PDB file of all heavy atoms in Angstrom:
ATOM      1  N   GLN A   1      19.823   1.442  -1.313  1.00  0.00           N
ATOM      2  CA  GLN A   1      19.774   1.703   0.120  1.00  0.00           C
ATOM      3  C   GLN A   1      20.857   2.687   0.547  1.00  0.00           C
ATOM      4  O   GLN A   1      21.904   2.814  -0.089  1.00  0.00           O
ATOM      5  CB  GLN A   1      19.917   0.399   0.896  1.00  0.00           C
ATOM      6  CG  GLN A   1      18.742  -0.550   0.716  1.00  0.00           C
ATOM      7  CD  GLN A   1      17.439   0.064   1.161  1.00  0.00           C
ATOM      8  OE1 GLN A   1      17.232   0.348   2.342  1.00  0.00           O
ATOM      9  NE2 GLN A   1      16.531   0.283   0.215  1.00  0.00           N
ATOM     10  N   GLY A   2      20.567   3.404   1.656  1.00  0.00           N
ATOM     11  CA  GLY A   2      21.508   4.335   2.246  1.00  0.00           C
ATOM     12  C   GLY A   2      21.779   3.975   3.683  1.00  0.00           C
ATOM     13  O   GLY A   2      21.878   2.797   4.028  1.00  0.00           O
ATOM     14  N   ASP A   3      21.868   4.970   4.561  1.00  0.00           N
ATOM     15  CA  ASP A   3      22.210   4.699   5.956  1.00  0.00           C
ATOM     16  C   ASP A   3      20.985   4.398   6.813  1.00  0.00           C
ATOM     17  O   ASP A   3      21.120   4.044   7.982  1.00  0.00           O
ATOM     18  CB  ASP A   3      23.027   5.848   6.565  1.00  0.00           C
ATOM     19  CG  ASP A   3      22.279   7.168   6.537  1.00  0.00           C
ATOM     20  OD1 ASP A   3      21.206   7.235   5.917  1.00  0.00           O
ATOM     21  OD2 ASP A   3      22.773   8.127   7.156  1.00  0.00           O
ATOM     22  N   VAL A   4      19.796   4.551   6.246  1.00  0.00           N
ATOM     23  CA  VAL A   4      18.571   4.100   6.913  1.00  0.00           C
ATOM     24  C   VAL A   4      17.732   3.370   5.873  1.00  0.00           C
ATOM     25  O   VAL A   4      17.914   3.570   4.670  1.00  0.00           O
ATOM     26  CB  VAL A   4      17.755   5.275   7.516  1.00  0.00           C
ATOM     27  CG1 VAL A   4      18.470   5.890   8.684  1.00  0.00           C
ATOM     28  CG2 VAL A   4      17.433   6.308   6.461  1.00  0.00           C
ATOM     29  N   PRO A   5      16.807   2.515   6.293  1.00  0.00           N
ATOM     30  CA  PRO A   5      15.996   1.803   5.315  1.00  0.00           C
ATOM     31  C   PRO A   5      15.218   2.772   4.419  1.00  0.00           C
ATOM     32  O   PRO A   5      14.578   3.710   4.896  1.00  0.00           O
ATOM     33  CB  PRO A   5      15.049   0.979   6.192  1.00  0.00           C
ATOM     34  CG  PRO A   5      15.781   0.802   7.476  1.00  0.00           C
ATOM     35  CD  PRO A   5      16.541   2.066   7.671  1.00  0.00           C
ATOM     36  N   PHE A   6      15.274   2.545   3.136  1.00  0.00           N
ATOM     37  CA  PHE A   6      14.487   3.276   2.151  1.00  0.00           C
ATOM     38  C   PHE A   6      13.830   2.238   1.260  1.00  0.00           C
ATOM     39  O   PHE A   6      14.335   1.132   1.114  1.00  0.00           O
ATOM     40  CB  PHE A   6      15.372   4.221   1.338  1.00  0.00           C
ATOM     41  CG  PHE A   6      14.608   5.063   0.348  1.00  0.00           C
ATOM     42  CD1 PHE A   6      13.711   6.027   0.784  1.00  0.00           C
ATOM     43  CD2 PHE A   6      14.774   4.888  -1.018  1.00  0.00           C
ATOM     44  CE1 PHE A   6      13.005   6.807  -0.105  1.00  0.00           C
ATOM     45  CE2 PHE A   6      14.076   5.665  -1.922  1.00  0.00           C
ATOM     46  CZ  PHE A   6      13.193   6.614  -1.470  1.00  0.00           C
ATOM     47  N   GLY A   7      12.724   2.630   0.643  1.00  0.00           N
ATOM     48  CA  GLY A   7      11.925   1.632  -0.044  1.00  0.00           C
ATOM     49  C   GLY A   7      11.075   0.895   0.959  1.00  0.00           C
ATOM     50  O   GLY A   7      11.131  -0.326   1.103  1.00  0.00           O
ATOM     51  N   THR A   8      10.275   1.687   1.700  1.00  0.00           N
ATOM     52  CA  THR A   8       9.406   1.141   2.742  1.00  0.00           C
ATOM     53  C   THR A   8       7.994   1.651   2.540  1.00  0.00           C
ATOM     54  O   THR A   8       7.770   2.686   1.904  1.00  0.00           O
ATOM     55  CB  THR A   8       9.884   1.562   4.144  1.00  0.00           C
ATOM     56  OG1 THR A   8       9.787   2.997   4.250  1.00  0.00           O
ATOM     57  CG2 THR A   8      11.319   1.138   4.390  1.00  0.00           C
ATOM     58  N   CYS A   9       7.041   0.953   3.099  1.00  0.00           N
ATOM     59  CA  CYS A   9       5.657   1.428   3.105  1.00  0.00           C
ATOM     60  C   CYS A   9       5.482   2.430   4.236  1.00  0.00           C
ATOM     61  O   CYS A   9       6.019   2.259   5.329  1.00  0.00           O
ATOM     62  CB  CYS A   9       4.686   0.272   3.276  1.00  0.00           C
ATOM     63  SG  CYS A   9       4.708  -0.896   1.884  1.00  0.00           S
ATOM     64  N   THR A  10       4.731   3.487   3.947  1.00  0.00           N
ATOM     65  CA  THR A  10       4.563   4.580   4.904  1.00  0.00           C
ATOM     66  C   THR A  10       3.118   4.813   5.309  1.00  0.00           C
ATOM     67  O   THR A  10       2.866   5.530   6.270  1.00  0.00           O
ATOM     68  CB  THR A  10       5.115   5.881   4.301  1.00  0.00           C
ATOM     69  OG1 THR A  10       4.484   6.106   3.026  1.00  0.00           O
ATOM     70  CG2 THR A  10       6.617   5.802   4.102  1.00  0.00           C
ATOM     71  N   ALA A  11       2.161   4.252   4.576  1.00  0.00           N
ATOM     72  CA  ALA A  11       0.753   4.515   4.868  1.00  0.00           C
ATOM     73  C   ALA A  11      -0.083   3.331   4.399  1.00  0.00           C
ATOM     74  O   ALA A  11       0.228   2.695   3.384  1.00  0.00           O
ATOM     75  CB  ALA A  11       0.282   5.791   4.167  1.00  0.00           C
ATOM     76  N   ILE A  12      -1.141   3.039   5.148  1.00  0.00           N
ATOM     77  CA  ILE A  12      -2.058   1.965   4.775  1.00  0.00           C
ATOM     78  C   ILE A  12      -3.462   2.348   5.202  1.00  0.00           C
ATOM     79  O   ILE A  12      -3.649   2.997   6.244  1.00  0.00           O
ATOM     80  CB  ILE A  12      -1.622   0.617   5.393  1.00  0.00           C
ATOM     81  CG1 ILE A  12      -2.510  -0.526   4.888  1.00  0.00           C
ATOM     82  CG2 ILE A  12      -1.622   0.673   6.913  1.00  0.00           C
ATOM     83  CD1 ILE A  12      -1.974  -1.907   5.251  1.00  0.00           C
ATOM     84  N   SER A  13      -4.445   1.969   4.391  1.00  0.00           N
ATOM     85  CA  SER A  13      -5.847   2.244   4.728  1.00  0.00           C
ATOM     86  C   SER A  13      -6.715   1.160   4.123  1.00  0.00           C
ATOM     87  O   SER A  13      -6.434   0.663   3.021  1.00  0.00           O
ATOM     88  CB  SER A  13      -6.266   3.620   4.187  1.00  0.00           C
ATOM     89  OG  SER A  13      -7.585   3.943   4.565  1.00  0.00           O
ATOM     90  N   GLU A  14      -7.741   0.774   4.865  1.00  0.00           N
ATOM     91  CA  GLU A  14      -8.756  -0.155   4.357  1.00  0.00           C
ATOM     92  C   GLU A  14     -10.099   0.542   4.360  1.00  0.00           C
ATOM     93  O   GLU A  14     -10.454   1.219   5.327  1.00  0.00           O
ATOM     94  CB  GLU A  14      -8.833  -1.430   5.198  1.00  0.00           C
ATOM     95  CG  GLU A  14      -9.838  -2.444   4.653  1.00  0.00           C
ATOM     96  CD  GLU A  14      -9.955  -3.702   5.490  1.00  0.00           C
ATOM     97  OE1 GLU A  14      -9.707  -3.632   6.721  1.00  0.00           O
ATOM     98  OE2 GLU A  14     -10.308  -4.760   4.939  1.00  0.00           O
ATOM     99  N   SER A  15     -10.847   0.378   3.297  1.00  0.00           N
ATOM    100  CA  SER A  15     -12.157   1.011   3.224  1.00  0.00           C
ATOM    101  C   SER A  15     -13.063   0.485   4.330  1.00  0.00           C
ATOM    102  O   SER A  15     -13.226  -0.729   4.473  1.00  0.00           O
ATOM    103  CB  SER A  15     -12.802   0.731   1.862  1.00  0.00           C
ATOM    104  OG  SER A  15     -14.160   1.135   1.867  1.00  0.00           O
ATOM    105  N   PRO A  16     -13.669   1.378   5.116  1.00  0.00           N
ATOM    106  CA  PRO A  16     -14.636   0.922   6.120  1.00  0.00           C
ATOM    107  C   PRO A  16     -15.912   0.376   5.497  1.00  0.00           C
ATOM    108  O   PRO A  16     -16.718  -0.244   6.189  1.00  0.00           O
ATOM    109  CB  PRO A  16     -14.927   2.193   6.935  1.00  0.00           C
ATOM    110  CG  PRO A  16     -13.842   3.151   6.599  1.00  0.00           C
ATOM    111  CD  PRO A  16     -13.431   2.826   5.202  1.00  0.00           C
ATOM    112  N   LEU A  17     -16.087   0.593   4.185  1.00  0.00           N
ATOM    113  CA  LEU A  17     -17.314   0.196   3.496  1.00  0.00           C
ATOM    114  C   LEU A  17     -17.165  -1.090   2.702  1.00  0.00           C
ATOM    115  O   LEU A  17     -18.174  -1.664   2.285  1.00  0.00           O
ATOM    116  CB  LEU A  17     -17.769   1.318   2.551  1.00  0.00           C
ATOM    117  CG  LEU A  17     -17.977   2.682   3.213  1.00  0.00           C
ATOM    118  CD1 LEU A  17     -18.342   3.726   2.163  1.00  0.00           C
ATOM    119  CD2 LEU A  17     -19.050   2.606   4.292  1.00  0.00           C
ATOM    120  N   GLN A  18     -15.936  -1.557   2.505  1.00  0.00           N
ATOM    121  CA  GLN A  18     -15.721  -2.777   1.722  1.00  0.00           C
ATOM    122  C   GLN A  18     -14.520  -3.518   2.270  1.00  0.00           C
ATOM    123  O   GLN A  18     -13.387  -3.036   2.188  1.00  0.00           O
ATOM    124  CB  GLN A  18     -15.520  -2.457   0.245  1.00  0.00           C
ATOM    125  CG  GLN A  18     -15.270  -3.691  -0.611  1.00  0.00           C
ATOM    126  CD  GLN A  18     -15.077  -3.366  -2.073  1.00  0.00           C
ATOM    127  OE1 GLN A  18     -15.647  -2.409  -2.588  1.00  0.00           O
ATOM    128  NE2 GLN A  18     -14.258  -4.162  -2.756  1.00  0.00           N
ATOM    129  N   PHE A  19     -14.748  -4.689   2.805  1.00  0.00           N
ATOM    130  CA  PHE A  19     -13.653  -5.492   3.347  1.00  0.00           C
ATOM    131  C   PHE A  19     -12.683  -5.852   2.228  1.00  0.00           C
ATOM    132  O   PHE A  19     -13.074  -6.243   1.122  1.00  0.00           O
ATOM    133  CB  PHE A  19     -14.195  -6.766   3.982  1.00  0.00           C
ATOM    134  CG  PHE A  19     -13.120  -7.710   4.441  1.00  0.00           C
ATOM    135  CD1 PHE A  19     -12.335  -7.398   5.532  1.00  0.00           C
ATOM    136  CD2 PHE A  19     -12.892  -8.906   3.773  1.00  0.00           C
ATOM    137  CE1 PHE A  19     -11.332  -8.256   5.952  1.00  0.00           C
ATOM    138  CE2 PHE A  19     -11.898  -9.777   4.188  1.00  0.00           C
ATOM    139  CZ  PHE A  19     -11.119  -9.450   5.288  1.00  0.00           C
ATOM    140  N   GLY A  20     -11.391  -5.693   2.508  1.00  0.00           N
ATOM    141  CA  GLY A  20     -10.374  -6.087   1.547  1.00  0.00           C
ATOM    142  C   GLY A  20     -10.031  -5.061   0.506  1.00  0.00           C
ATOM    143  O   GLY A  20      -9.155  -5.309  -0.340  1.00  0.00           O
ATOM    144  N   LEU A  21     -10.694  -3.890   0.523  1.00  0.00           N
ATOM    145  CA  LEU A  21     -10.319  -2.795  -0.370  1.00  0.00           C
ATOM    146  C   LEU A  21      -9.210  -2.018   0.326  1.00  0.00           C
ATOM    147  O   LEU A  21      -9.461  -1.228   1.243  1.00  0.00           O
ATOM    148  CB  LEU A  21     -11.514  -1.901  -0.674  1.00  0.00           C
ATOM    149  CG  LEU A  21     -11.238  -0.641  -1.509  1.00  0.00           C
ATOM    150  CD1 LEU A  21     -10.490  -0.961  -2.793  1.00  0.00           C
ATOM    151  CD2 LEU A  21     -12.522   0.120  -1.783  1.00  0.00           C
ATOM    152  N   LEU A  22      -7.972  -2.267  -0.093  1.00  0.00           N
ATOM    153  CA  LEU A  22      -6.794  -1.782   0.606  1.00  0.00           C
ATOM    154  C   LEU A  22      -6.023  -0.787  -0.259  1.00  0.00           C
ATOM    155  O   LEU A  22      -5.951  -0.939  -1.487  1.00  0.00           O
ATOM    156  CB  LEU A  22      -5.864  -2.949   0.957  1.00  0.00           C
ATOM    157  CG  LEU A  22      -6.430  -4.041   1.869  1.00  0.00           C
ATOM    158  CD1 LEU A  22      -5.476  -5.230   1.900  1.00  0.00           C
ATOM    159  CD2 LEU A  22      -6.645  -3.500   3.278  1.00  0.00           C
ATOM    160  N   TYR A  23      -5.428   0.184   0.411  1.00  0.00           N
ATOM    161  CA  TYR A  23      -4.520   1.132  -0.228  1.00  0.00           C
ATOM    162  C   TYR A  23      -3.229   1.179   0.594  1.00  0.00           C
ATOM    163  O   TYR A  23      -3.273   1.216   1.830  1.00  0.00           O
ATOM    164  CB  TYR A  23      -5.120   2.535  -0.282  1.00  0.00           C
ATOM    165  CG  TYR A  23      -6.379   2.641  -1.105  1.00  0.00           C
ATOM    166  CD1 TYR A  23      -7.628   2.482  -0.510  1.00  0.00           C
ATOM    167  CD2 TYR A  23      -6.320   2.912  -2.472  1.00  0.00           C
ATOM    168  CE1 TYR A  23      -8.782   2.583  -1.258  1.00  0.00           C
ATOM    169  CE2 TYR A  23      -7.472   3.020  -3.233  1.00  0.00           C
ATOM    170  CZ  TYR A  23      -8.707   2.859  -2.622  1.00  0.00           C
ATOM    171  OH  TYR A  23      -9.851   2.958  -3.368  1.00  0.00           O
ATOM    172  N   VAL A  24      -2.098   1.208  -0.095  1.00  0.00           N
ATOM    173  CA  VAL A  24      -0.800   1.275   0.556  1.00  0.00           C
ATOM    174  C   VAL A  24       0.055   2.299  -0.174  1.00  0.00           C
ATOM    175  O   VAL A  24       0.061   2.346  -1.415  1.00  0.00           O
ATOM    176  CB  VAL A  24      -0.101  -0.101   0.558  1.00  0.00           C
ATOM    177  CG1 VAL A  24       1.313   0.017   1.112  1.00  0.00           C
ATOM    178  CG2 VAL A  24      -0.893  -1.105   1.371  1.00  0.00           C
ATOM    179  N   GLY A  25       0.782   3.145   0.592  1.00  0.00           N
ATOM    180  CA  GLY A  25       1.690   4.120   0.020  1.00  0.00           C
ATOM    181  C   GLY A  25       3.112   3.868   0.474  1.00  0.00           C
ATOM    182  O   GLY A  25       3.347   3.254   1.528  1.00  0.00           O
ATOM    183  N   THR A  26       4.085   4.363  -0.303  1.00  0.00           N
ATOM    184  CA  THR A  26       5.490   4.118  -0.014  1.00  0.00           C
ATOM    185  C   THR A  26       6.265   5.425   0.094  1.00  0.00           C
ATOM    186  O   THR A  26       5.770   6.495  -0.261  1.00  0.00           O
ATOM    187  CB  THR A  26       6.132   3.248  -1.109  1.00  0.00           C
ATOM    188  OG1 THR A  26       6.279   4.027  -2.305  1.00  0.00           O
ATOM    189  CG2 THR A  26       5.287   2.020  -1.406  1.00  0.00           C
ATOM    190  N   ASP A  27       7.501   5.320   0.533  1.00  0.00           N
ATOM    191  CA  ASP A  27       8.342   6.505   0.681  1.00  0.00           C
ATOM    192  C   ASP A  27       8.969   6.958  -0.637  1.00  0.00           C
ATOM    193  O   ASP A  27       9.665   7.973  -0.667  1.00  0.00           O
ATOM    194  CB  ASP A  27       9.435   6.273   1.728  1.00  0.00           C
ATOM    195  CG  ASP A  27      10.305   5.061   1.437  1.00  0.00           C
ATOM    196  OD1 ASP A  27      10.263   4.544   0.294  1.00  0.00           O
ATOM    197  OD2 ASP A  27      11.036   4.613   2.340  1.00  0.00           O
ATOM    198  N   ASN A  28       8.739   6.227  -1.718  1.00  0.00           N
ATOM    199  CA  ASN A  28       9.223   6.677  -3.024  1.00  0.00           C
ATOM    200  C   ASN A  28       8.080   6.960  -3.995  1.00  0.00           C
ATOM    201  O   ASN A  28       8.229   6.870  -5.206  1.00  0.00           O
ATOM    202  CB  ASN A  28      10.220   5.678  -3.618  1.00  0.00           C
ATOM    203  CG  ASN A  28       9.658   4.273  -3.750  1.00  0.00           C
ATOM    204  OD1 ASN A  28       8.556   3.989  -3.303  1.00  0.00           O
ATOM    205  ND2 ASN A  28      10.422   3.390  -4.373  1.00  0.00           N
ATOM    206  N   GLY A  29       6.914   7.309  -3.419  1.00  0.00           N
ATOM    207  CA  GLY A  29       5.848   7.893  -4.217  1.00  0.00           C
ATOM    208  C   GLY A  29       4.858   6.948  -4.845  1.00  0.00           C
ATOM    209  O   GLY A  29       4.035   7.376  -5.660  1.00  0.00           O
ATOM    210  N   ARG A  30       4.868   5.690  -4.465  1.00  0.00           N
ATOM    211  CA  ARG A  30       3.929   4.753  -5.068  1.00  0.00           C
ATOM    212  C   ARG A  30       2.691   4.579  -4.195  1.00  0.00           C
ATOM    213  O   ARG A  30       2.770   4.538  -2.964  1.00  0.00           O
ATOM    214  CB  ARG A  30       4.606   3.398  -5.286  1.00  0.00           C
ATOM    215  CG  ARG A  30       5.748   3.438  -6.297  1.00  0.00           C
ATOM    216  CD  ARG A  30       6.235   2.051  -6.623  1.00  0.00           C
ATOM    217  NE  ARG A  30       7.246   2.084  -7.685  1.00  0.00           N
ATOM    218  CZ  ARG A  30       7.690   0.997  -8.304  1.00  0.00           C
ATOM    219  NH1 ARG A  30       7.240  -0.203  -7.967  1.00  0.00           N
ATOM    220  NH2 ARG A  30       8.607   1.108  -9.248  1.00  0.00           N
ATOM    221  N   VAL A  31       1.553   4.467  -4.868  1.00  0.00           N
ATOM    222  CA  VAL A  31       0.292   4.132  -4.208  1.00  0.00           C
ATOM    223  C   VAL A  31      -0.267   2.894  -4.895  1.00  0.00           C
ATOM    224  O   VAL A  31      -0.382   2.852  -6.128  1.00  0.00           O
ATOM    225  CB  VAL A  31      -0.718   5.287  -4.280  1.00  0.00           C
ATOM    226  CG1 VAL A  31      -2.056   4.860  -3.677  1.00  0.00           C
ATOM    227  CG2 VAL A  31      -0.189   6.516  -3.550  1.00  0.00           C
ATOM    228  N   TRP A  32      -0.603   1.913  -4.081  1.00  0.00           N
ATOM    229  CA  TRP A  32      -1.127   0.639  -4.582  1.00  0.00           C
ATOM    230  C   TRP A  32      -2.529   0.409  -4.039  1.00  0.00           C
ATOM    231  O   TRP A  32      -2.847   0.801  -2.918  1.00  0.00           O
ATOM    232  CB  TRP A  32      -0.226  -0.514  -4.157  1.00  0.00           C
ATOM    233  CG  TRP A  32       1.157  -0.472  -4.708  1.00  0.00           C
ATOM    234  CD1 TRP A  32       2.220   0.251  -4.233  1.00  0.00           C
ATOM    235  CD2 TRP A  32       1.642  -1.171  -5.852  1.00  0.00           C
ATOM    236  NE1 TRP A  32       3.336   0.042  -5.002  1.00  0.00           N
ATOM    237  CE2 TRP A  32       3.010  -0.838  -6.017  1.00  0.00           C
ATOM    238  CE3 TRP A  32       1.060  -2.061  -6.762  1.00  0.00           C
ATOM    239  CZ2 TRP A  32       3.800  -1.358  -7.025  1.00  0.00           C
ATOM    240  CZ3 TRP A  32       1.851  -2.579  -7.774  1.00  0.00           C
ATOM    241  CH2 TRP A  32       3.194  -2.230  -7.915  1.00  0.00           C
ATOM    242  N   ARG A  33      -3.341  -0.283  -4.854  1.00  0.00           N
ATOM    243  CA  ARG A  33      -4.706  -0.645  -4.444  1.00  0.00           C
ATOM    244  C   ARG A  33      -4.923  -2.134  -4.669  1.00  0.00           C
ATOM    245  O   ARG A  33      -4.489  -2.692  -5.671  1.00  0.00           O
ATOM    246  CB  ARG A  33      -5.731   0.127  -5.263  1.00  0.00           C
ATOM    247  CG  ARG A  33      -7.178  -0.095  -4.815  1.00  0.00           C
ATOM    248  CD  ARG A  33      -8.178   0.432  -5.844  1.00  0.00           C
ATOM    249  NE  ARG A  33      -8.345  -0.463  -6.973  1.00  0.00           N
ATOM    250  CZ  ARG A  33      -8.357  -0.088  -8.255  1.00  0.00           C
ATOM    251  NH1 ARG A  33      -8.161   1.183  -8.587  1.00  0.00           N
ATOM    252  NH2 ARG A  33      -8.511  -0.985  -9.215  1.00  0.00           N
ATOM    253  N   SER A  34      -5.580  -2.748  -3.696  1.00  0.00           N
ATOM    254  CA  SER A  34      -6.050  -4.120  -3.863  1.00  0.00           C
ATOM    255  C   SER A  34      -7.546  -4.137  -3.613  1.00  0.00           C
ATOM    256  O   SER A  34      -8.031  -3.593  -2.611  1.00  0.00           O
ATOM    257  CB  SER A  34      -5.347  -5.069  -2.885  1.00  0.00           C
ATOM    258  OG  SER A  34      -5.871  -6.381  -3.011  1.00  0.00           O
ATOM    259  N   ASP A  35      -8.289  -4.736  -4.526  1.00  0.00           N
ATOM    260  CA  ASP A  35      -9.744  -4.858  -4.377  1.00  0.00           C
ATOM    261  C   ASP A  35     -10.151  -6.170  -3.728  1.00  0.00           C
ATOM    262  O   ASP A  35     -11.334  -6.368  -3.427  1.00  0.00           O
ATOM    263  CB  ASP A  35     -10.430  -4.746  -5.750  1.00  0.00           C
ATOM    264  CG  ASP A  35     -10.170  -3.409  -6.416  1.00  0.00           C
ATOM    265  OD1 ASP A  35     -10.532  -2.381  -5.828  1.00  0.00           O
ATOM    266  OD2 ASP A  35      -9.591  -3.393  -7.524  1.00  0.00           O
ATOM    267  N   ASP A  36      -9.178  -7.069  -3.534  1.00  0.00           N
ATOM    268  CA  ASP A  36      -9.524  -8.426  -3.113  1.00  0.00           C
ATOM    269  C   ASP A  36      -8.672  -8.894  -1.940  1.00  0.00           C
ATOM    270  O   ASP A  36      -8.269 -10.043  -1.872  1.00  0.00           O
ATOM    271  CB  ASP A  36      -9.387  -9.393  -4.293  1.00  0.00           C
ATOM    272  CG  ASP A  36      -8.050  -9.251  -5.025  1.00  0.00           C
ATOM    273  OD1 ASP A  36      -7.112  -8.685  -4.420  1.00  0.00           O
ATOM    274  OD2 ASP A  36      -7.952  -9.688  -6.186  1.00  0.00           O
ATOM    275  N   GLY A  37      -8.388  -7.993  -1.029  1.00  0.00           N
ATOM    276  CA  GLY A  37      -7.693  -8.378   0.189  1.00  0.00           C
ATOM    277  C   GLY A  37      -6.254  -8.770   0.002  1.00  0.00           C
ATOM    278  O   GLY A  37      -5.705  -9.519   0.819  1.00  0.00           O
ATOM    279  N   GLY A  38      -5.620  -8.266  -1.056  1.00  0.00           N
ATOM    280  CA  GLY A  38      -4.201  -8.522  -1.242  1.00  0.00           C
ATOM    281  C   GLY A  38      -3.878  -9.622  -2.226  1.00  0.00           C
ATOM    282  O   GLY A  38      -2.696  -9.929  -2.435  1.00  0.00           O
ATOM    283  N   VAL A  39      -4.883 -10.212  -2.866  1.00  0.00           N
ATOM    284  CA  VAL A  39      -4.603 -11.232  -3.886  1.00  0.00           C
ATOM    285  C   VAL A  39      -3.943 -10.579  -5.098  1.00  0.00           C
ATOM    286  O   VAL A  39      -2.970 -11.082  -5.653  1.00  0.00           O
ATOM    287  CB  VAL A  39      -5.896 -11.972  -4.293  1.00  0.00           C
ATOM    288  CG1 VAL A  39      -5.608 -12.965  -5.410  1.00  0.00           C
ATOM    289  CG2 VAL A  39      -6.503 -12.673  -3.083  1.00  0.00           C
ATOM    290  N   ASN A  40      -4.459  -9.425  -5.505  1.00  0.00           N
ATOM    291  CA  ASN A  40      -3.913  -8.683  -6.630  1.00  0.00           C
ATOM    292  C   ASN A  40      -3.716  -7.228  -6.217  1.00  0.00           C
ATOM    293  O   ASN A  40      -4.514  -6.676  -5.454  1.00  0.00           O
ATOM    294  CB  ASN A  40      -4.862  -8.747  -7.837  1.00  0.00           C
ATOM    295  CG  ASN A  40      -5.069 -10.158  -8.352  1.00  0.00           C
ATOM    296  OD1 ASN A  40      -4.192 -10.726  -8.989  1.00  0.00           O
ATOM    297  ND2 ASN A  40      -6.235 -10.734  -8.034  1.00  0.00           N
ATOM    298  N   TRP A  41      -2.645  -6.609  -6.739  1.00  0.00           N
ATOM    299  CA  TRP A  41      -2.341  -5.213  -6.447  1.00  0.00           C
ATOM    300  C   TRP A  41      -2.180  -4.436  -7.748  1.00  0.00           C
ATOM    301  O   TRP A  41      -1.610  -4.932  -8.714  1.00  0.00           O
ATOM    302  CB  TRP A  41      -1.055  -5.093  -5.622  1.00  0.00           C
ATOM    303  CG  TRP A  41      -1.204  -5.631  -4.225  1.00  0.00           C
ATOM    304  CD1 TRP A  41      -0.981  -6.913  -3.819  1.00  0.00           C
ATOM    305  CD2 TRP A  41      -1.631  -4.901  -3.075  1.00  0.00           C
ATOM    306  NE1 TRP A  41      -1.235  -7.027  -2.466  1.00  0.00           N
ATOM    307  CE2 TRP A  41      -1.633  -5.812  -1.982  1.00  0.00           C
ATOM    308  CE3 TRP A  41      -1.988  -3.580  -2.846  1.00  0.00           C
ATOM    309  CZ2 TRP A  41      -1.980  -5.440  -0.701  1.00  0.00           C
ATOM    310  CZ3 TRP A  41      -2.337  -3.198  -1.567  1.00  0.00           C
ATOM    311  CH2 TRP A  41      -2.343  -4.120  -0.502  1.00  0.00           C
ATOM    312  N   ARG A  42      -2.656  -3.183  -7.742  1.00  0.00           N
ATOM    313  CA  ARG A  42      -2.572  -2.320  -8.911  1.00  0.00           C
ATOM    314  C   ARG A  42      -1.919  -1.001  -8.513  1.00  0.00           C
ATOM    315  O   ARG A  42      -2.325  -0.364  -7.522  1.00  0.00           O
ATOM    316  CB  ARG A  42      -3.972  -2.064  -9.472  1.00  0.00           C
ATOM    317  CG  ARG A  42      -4.028  -1.120 -10.679  1.00  0.00           C
ATOM    318  CD  ARG A  42      -5.459  -1.011 -11.191  1.00  0.00           C
ATOM    319  NE  ARG A  42      -5.596  -0.028 -12.253  1.00  0.00           N
ATOM    320  CZ  ARG A  42      -5.314  -0.240 -13.520  1.00  0.00           C
ATOM    321  NH1 ARG A  42      -4.871  -1.432 -13.898  1.00  0.00           N
ATOM    322  NH2 ARG A  42      -5.476   0.705 -14.422  1.00  0.00           N
ATOM    323  N   ASP A  43      -0.909  -0.586  -9.257  1.00  0.00           N
ATOM    324  CA  ASP A  43      -0.239   0.691  -9.017  1.00  0.00           C
ATOM    325  C   ASP A  43      -1.137   1.809  -9.549  1.00  0.00           C
ATOM    326  O   ASP A  43      -1.410   1.885 -10.749  1.00  0.00           O
ATOM    327  CB  ASP A  43       1.107   0.708  -9.737  1.00  0.00           C
ATOM    328  CG  ASP A  43       1.953   1.926  -9.394  1.00  0.00           C
ATOM    329  OD1 ASP A  43       1.395   2.926  -8.906  1.00  0.00           O
ATOM    330  OD2 ASP A  43       3.175   1.883  -9.616  1.00  0.00           O
TER     331      ASP A  43
END
């Protein structure tokens, strides 16, 4: 950490075609996907 929070989520999207298909991005370059509404996440 520095003088402001780092290591935060910056973007989120849910597929309009499939409930629970989620994508999340972070400020340090990670993109995660969940196919089951957040039960499991894959980088």
